């Protein structure tokens, strides 16, 4: 088990975050971070080659994409396709927390190679 220490969160692209994956004890085909968007803050608008999933854990915020603004709250999950621009905006009065996981073909291939080596 890895415990989250809020003191380990660092500023990154308009939010505070901690990389949780890769984790040397776990062979996973994805990377991931615990993320917090403070009240009145927003992540930077960005796009990347990986697929990405966000799982909302606490609070309420809005996701901004080319399709507009969508409410995003605890219990929601969203998927971003490669190169899809996205941003998270917290106009509320409480922290918004979510887990982000991302992957691509190269990461999956490295996972498969490590898995074969472990057998």
C-alpha atoms as a PDB file:
ATOM      1  CA  UNK A   1       0.000   0.000   0.000  1.00  0.00           C
ATOM      2  CA  UNK A   2       1.140   3.513  -0.747  1.00  0.00           C
ATOM      3  CA  UNK A   3      -0.319   6.235   1.419  1.00  0.00           C
ATOM      4  CA  UNK A   4      -0.935   9.711   0.078  1.00  0.00           C
ATOM      5  CA  UNK A   5       1.009  12.388   1.939  1.00  0.00           C
ATOM      6  CA  UNK A   6      -0.453  15.797   1.012  1.00  0.00           C
ATOM      7  CA  UNK A   7       2.950  17.293   1.815  1.00  0.00           C
ATOM      8  CA  UNK A   8       4.337  15.476  -1.242  1.00  0.00           C
ATOM      9  CA  UNK A   9       2.052  17.302  -3.694  1.00  0.00           C
ATOM     10  CA  UNK A  10       3.962  19.606  -6.044  1.00  0.00           C
ATOM     11  CA  UNK A  11       2.813  22.354  -8.413  1.00  0.00           C
ATOM     12  CA  UNK A  12       2.317  21.043 -11.927  1.00  0.00           C
ATOM     13  CA  UNK A  13       0.428  22.687 -14.803  1.00  0.00           C
ATOM     14  CA  UNK A  14      -1.887  24.824 -12.642  1.00  0.00           C
ATOM     15  CA  UNK A  15      -2.681  22.152 -10.068  1.00  0.00           C
ATOM     16  CA  UNK A  16      -0.859  20.223  -7.368  1.00  0.00           C
ATOM     17  CA  UNK A  17      -0.112  16.557  -7.940  1.00  0.00           C
ATOM     18  CA  UNK A  18       1.869  13.500  -6.927  1.00  0.00           C
ATOM     19  CA  UNK A  19       2.951  10.787  -9.352  1.00  0.00           C
ATOM     20  CA  UNK A  20       1.711   7.436  -8.049  1.00  0.00           C
ATOM     21  CA  UNK A  21       2.679   5.354 -11.074  1.00  0.00           C
ATOM     22  CA  UNK A  22       5.057   4.045 -12.141  1.00  0.00           C
ATOM     23  CA  UNK A  23       5.469   2.208  -8.843  1.00  0.00           C
ATOM     24  CA  UNK A  24       8.492  -0.102  -8.762  1.00  0.00           C
ATOM     25  CA  UNK A  25       6.516  -2.834  -6.960  1.00  0.00           C
ATOM     26  CA  UNK A  26       3.782  -2.920  -9.610  1.00  0.00           C
ATOM     27  CA  UNK A  27       4.100  -3.756 -13.294  1.00  0.00           C
ATOM     28  CA  UNK A  28       1.300  -1.698 -14.834  1.00  0.00           C
ATOM     29  CA  UNK A  29       0.666  -0.661 -18.451  1.00  0.00           C
ATOM     30  CA  UNK A  30      -0.099   2.934 -17.423  1.00  0.00           C
ATOM     31  CA  UNK A  31       1.220   5.887 -15.421  1.00  0.00           C
ATOM     32  CA  UNK A  32      -0.877   7.893 -12.991  1.00  0.00           C
ATOM     33  CA  UNK A  33      -1.096  10.837 -10.613  1.00  0.00           C
ATOM     34  CA  UNK A  34      -3.205  12.035  -7.709  1.00  0.00           C
ATOM     35  CA  UNK A  35      -4.258  15.589  -8.576  1.00  0.00           C
ATOM     36  CA  UNK A  36      -5.793  18.480  -6.651  1.00  0.00           C
ATOM     37  CA  UNK A  37      -7.187  21.628  -8.234  1.00  0.00           C
ATOM     38  CA  UNK A  38      -7.596  24.287  -5.584  1.00  0.00           C
ATOM     39  CA  UNK A  39     -10.564  26.691  -5.484  1.00  0.00           C
ATOM     40  CA  UNK A  40     -10.357  29.308  -8.224  1.00  0.00           C
ATOM     41  CA  UNK A  41      -7.573  27.418 -10.031  1.00  0.00           C
ATOM     42  CA  UNK A  42      -7.418  25.633 -13.369  1.00  0.00           C
ATOM     43  CA  UNK A  43      -5.077  23.160 -14.976  1.00  0.00           C
ATOM     44  CA  UNK A  44      -3.280  24.284 -18.093  1.00  0.00           C
ATOM     45  CA  UNK A  45      -4.978  23.451 -21.386  1.00  0.00           C
ATOM     46  CA  UNK A  46      -3.006  20.569 -22.830  1.00  0.00           C
ATOM     47  CA  UNK A  47      -3.042  17.612 -25.209  1.00  0.00           C
ATOM     48  CA  UNK A  48      -0.705  14.636 -25.532  1.00  0.00           C
ATOM     49  CA  UNK A  49      -0.191  11.415 -27.468  1.00  0.00           C
ATOM     50  CA  UNK A  50      -1.510   9.171 -24.665  1.00  0.00           C
ATOM     51  CA  UNK A  51      -5.048   8.135 -23.856  1.00  0.00           C
ATOM     52  CA  UNK A  52      -6.037   9.523 -20.459  1.00  0.00           C
ATOM     53  CA  UNK A  53      -8.739   8.760 -17.900  1.00  0.00           C
ATOM     54  CA  UNK A  54      -9.688  10.993 -14.985  1.00  0.00           C
ATOM     55  CA  UNK A  55     -11.657   9.613 -12.040  1.00  0.00           C
ATOM     56  CA  UNK A  56     -13.236  12.358  -9.912  1.00  0.00           C
ATOM     57  CA  UNK A  57     -12.831  11.600  -6.206  1.00  0.00           C
ATOM     58  CA  UNK A  58     -14.081  14.679  -4.336  1.00  0.00           C
ATOM     59  CA  UNK A  59     -15.537  18.076  -5.091  1.00  0.00           C
ATOM     60  CA  UNK A  60     -16.982  19.606  -8.232  1.00  0.00           C
ATOM     61  CA  UNK A  61     -15.281  21.190 -11.239  1.00  0.00           C
ATOM     62  CA  UNK A  62     -15.730  21.596 -14.982  1.00  0.00           C
ATOM     63  CA  UNK A  63     -13.908  19.973 -17.861  1.00  0.00           C
ATOM     64  CA  UNK A  64     -13.204  22.210 -20.836  1.00  0.00           C
ATOM     65  CA  UNK A  65     -12.743  20.634 -24.288  1.00  0.00           C
ATOM     66  CA  UNK A  66     -13.463  21.684 -27.876  1.00  0.00           C
ATOM     67  CA  UNK A  67     -17.022  20.504 -27.184  1.00  0.00           C
ATOM     68  CA  UNK A  68     -17.479  23.074 -24.393  1.00  0.00           C
ATOM     69  CA  UNK A  69     -17.650  22.933 -20.588  1.00  0.00           C
ATOM     70  CA  UNK A  70     -19.001  19.870 -18.807  1.00  0.00           C
ATOM     71  CA  UNK A  71     -19.664  19.458 -15.077  1.00  0.00           C
ATOM     72  CA  UNK A  72     -17.346  16.908 -13.441  1.00  0.00           C
ATOM     73  CA  UNK A  73     -18.007  15.705  -9.887  1.00  0.00           C
ATOM     74  CA  UNK A  74     -17.062  12.956  -7.455  1.00  0.00           C
ATOM     75  CA  UNK A  75     -17.901   9.570  -8.952  1.00  0.00           C
ATOM     76  CA  UNK A  76     -17.581  10.730 -12.575  1.00  0.00           C
ATOM     77  CA  UNK A  77     -15.016   9.356 -15.031  1.00  0.00           C
ATOM     78  CA  UNK A  78     -13.887  10.822 -18.348  1.00  0.00           C
ATOM     79  CA  UNK A  79     -11.668   9.572 -21.184  1.00  0.00           C
ATOM     80  CA  UNK A  80      -9.565  11.822 -23.412  1.00  0.00           C
ATOM     81  CA  UNK A  81      -8.404  10.565 -26.797  1.00  0.00           C
ATOM     82  CA  UNK A  82      -4.827  11.170 -27.922  1.00  0.00           C
ATOM     83  CA  UNK A  83      -4.224  14.818 -28.879  1.00  0.00           C
ATOM     84  CA  UNK A  84      -7.620  15.948 -27.528  1.00  0.00           C
ATOM     85  CA  UNK A  85      -7.157  19.301 -25.770  1.00  0.00           C
ATOM     86  CA  UNK A  86      -8.551  19.370 -22.240  1.00  0.00           C
ATOM     87  CA  UNK A  87      -8.527  21.472 -19.091  1.00  0.00           C
ATOM     88  CA  UNK A  88     -10.036  21.290 -15.610  1.00  0.00           C
ATOM     89  CA  UNK A  89     -11.470  24.430 -13.989  1.00  0.00           C
ATOM     90  CA  UNK A  90     -12.442  24.668 -10.312  1.00  0.00           C
ATOM     91  CA  UNK A  91     -14.673  27.700  -9.812  1.00  0.00           C
ATOM     92  CA  UNK A  92     -15.958  26.262  -6.517  1.00  0.00           C
ATOM     93  CA  UNK A  93     -14.958  26.917  -2.925  1.00  0.00           C
ATOM     94  CA  UNK A  94     -13.421  23.501  -2.129  1.00  0.00           C
ATOM     95  CA  UNK A  95     -10.538  21.458  -3.474  1.00  0.00           C
ATOM     96  CA  UNK A  96     -11.323  19.178  -6.409  1.00  0.00           C
ATOM     97  CA  UNK A  97      -9.428  15.881  -6.288  1.00  0.00           C
ATOM     98  CA  UNK A  98      -9.044  13.277  -9.016  1.00  0.00           C
ATOM     99  CA  UNK A  99      -6.876  10.394 -10.142  1.00  0.00           C
ATOM    100  CA  UNK A 100      -5.414  10.574 -13.649  1.00  0.00           C
ATOM    101  CA  UNK A 101      -4.114   7.535 -15.547  1.00  0.00           C
ATOM    102  CA  UNK A 102      -2.589   7.607 -19.032  1.00  0.00           C
ATOM    103  CA  UNK A 103      -1.222   5.052 -21.482  1.00  0.00           C
ATOM    104  CA  UNK A 104      -0.133   4.512 -25.069  1.00  0.00           C
ATOM    105  CA  UNK A 105       1.101   1.633 -27.227  1.00  0.00           C
ATOM    106  CA  UNK A 106       4.742   2.063 -26.156  1.00  0.00           C
ATOM    107  CA  UNK A 107       3.791   1.849 -22.473  1.00  0.00           C
ATOM    108  CA  UNK A 108       1.746  -1.290 -23.159  1.00  0.00           C
ATOM    109  CA  UNK A 109       4.692  -2.853 -25.010  1.00  0.00           C
ATOM    110  CA  UNK A 110       7.056  -2.111 -22.090  1.00  0.00           C
ATOM    111  CA  UNK A 111       4.486  -3.642 -19.727  1.00  0.00           C
ATOM    112  CA  UNK A 112       4.306  -6.790 -21.864  1.00  0.00           C
ATOM    113  CA  UNK A 113       8.116  -7.103 -22.021  1.00  0.00           C
ATOM    114  CA  UNK A 114       8.447  -6.723 -18.225  1.00  0.00           C
ATOM    115  CA  UNK A 115       5.657  -9.261 -17.743  1.00  0.00           C
ATOM    116  CA  UNK A 116       7.429 -11.779 -19.997  1.00  0.00           C
ATOM    117  CA  UNK A 117      10.721 -11.203 -18.144  1.00  0.00           C
ATOM    118  CA  UNK A 118       9.017 -11.884 -14.795  1.00  0.00           C
ATOM    119  CA  UNK A 119       7.849 -15.350 -15.871  1.00  0.00           C
END
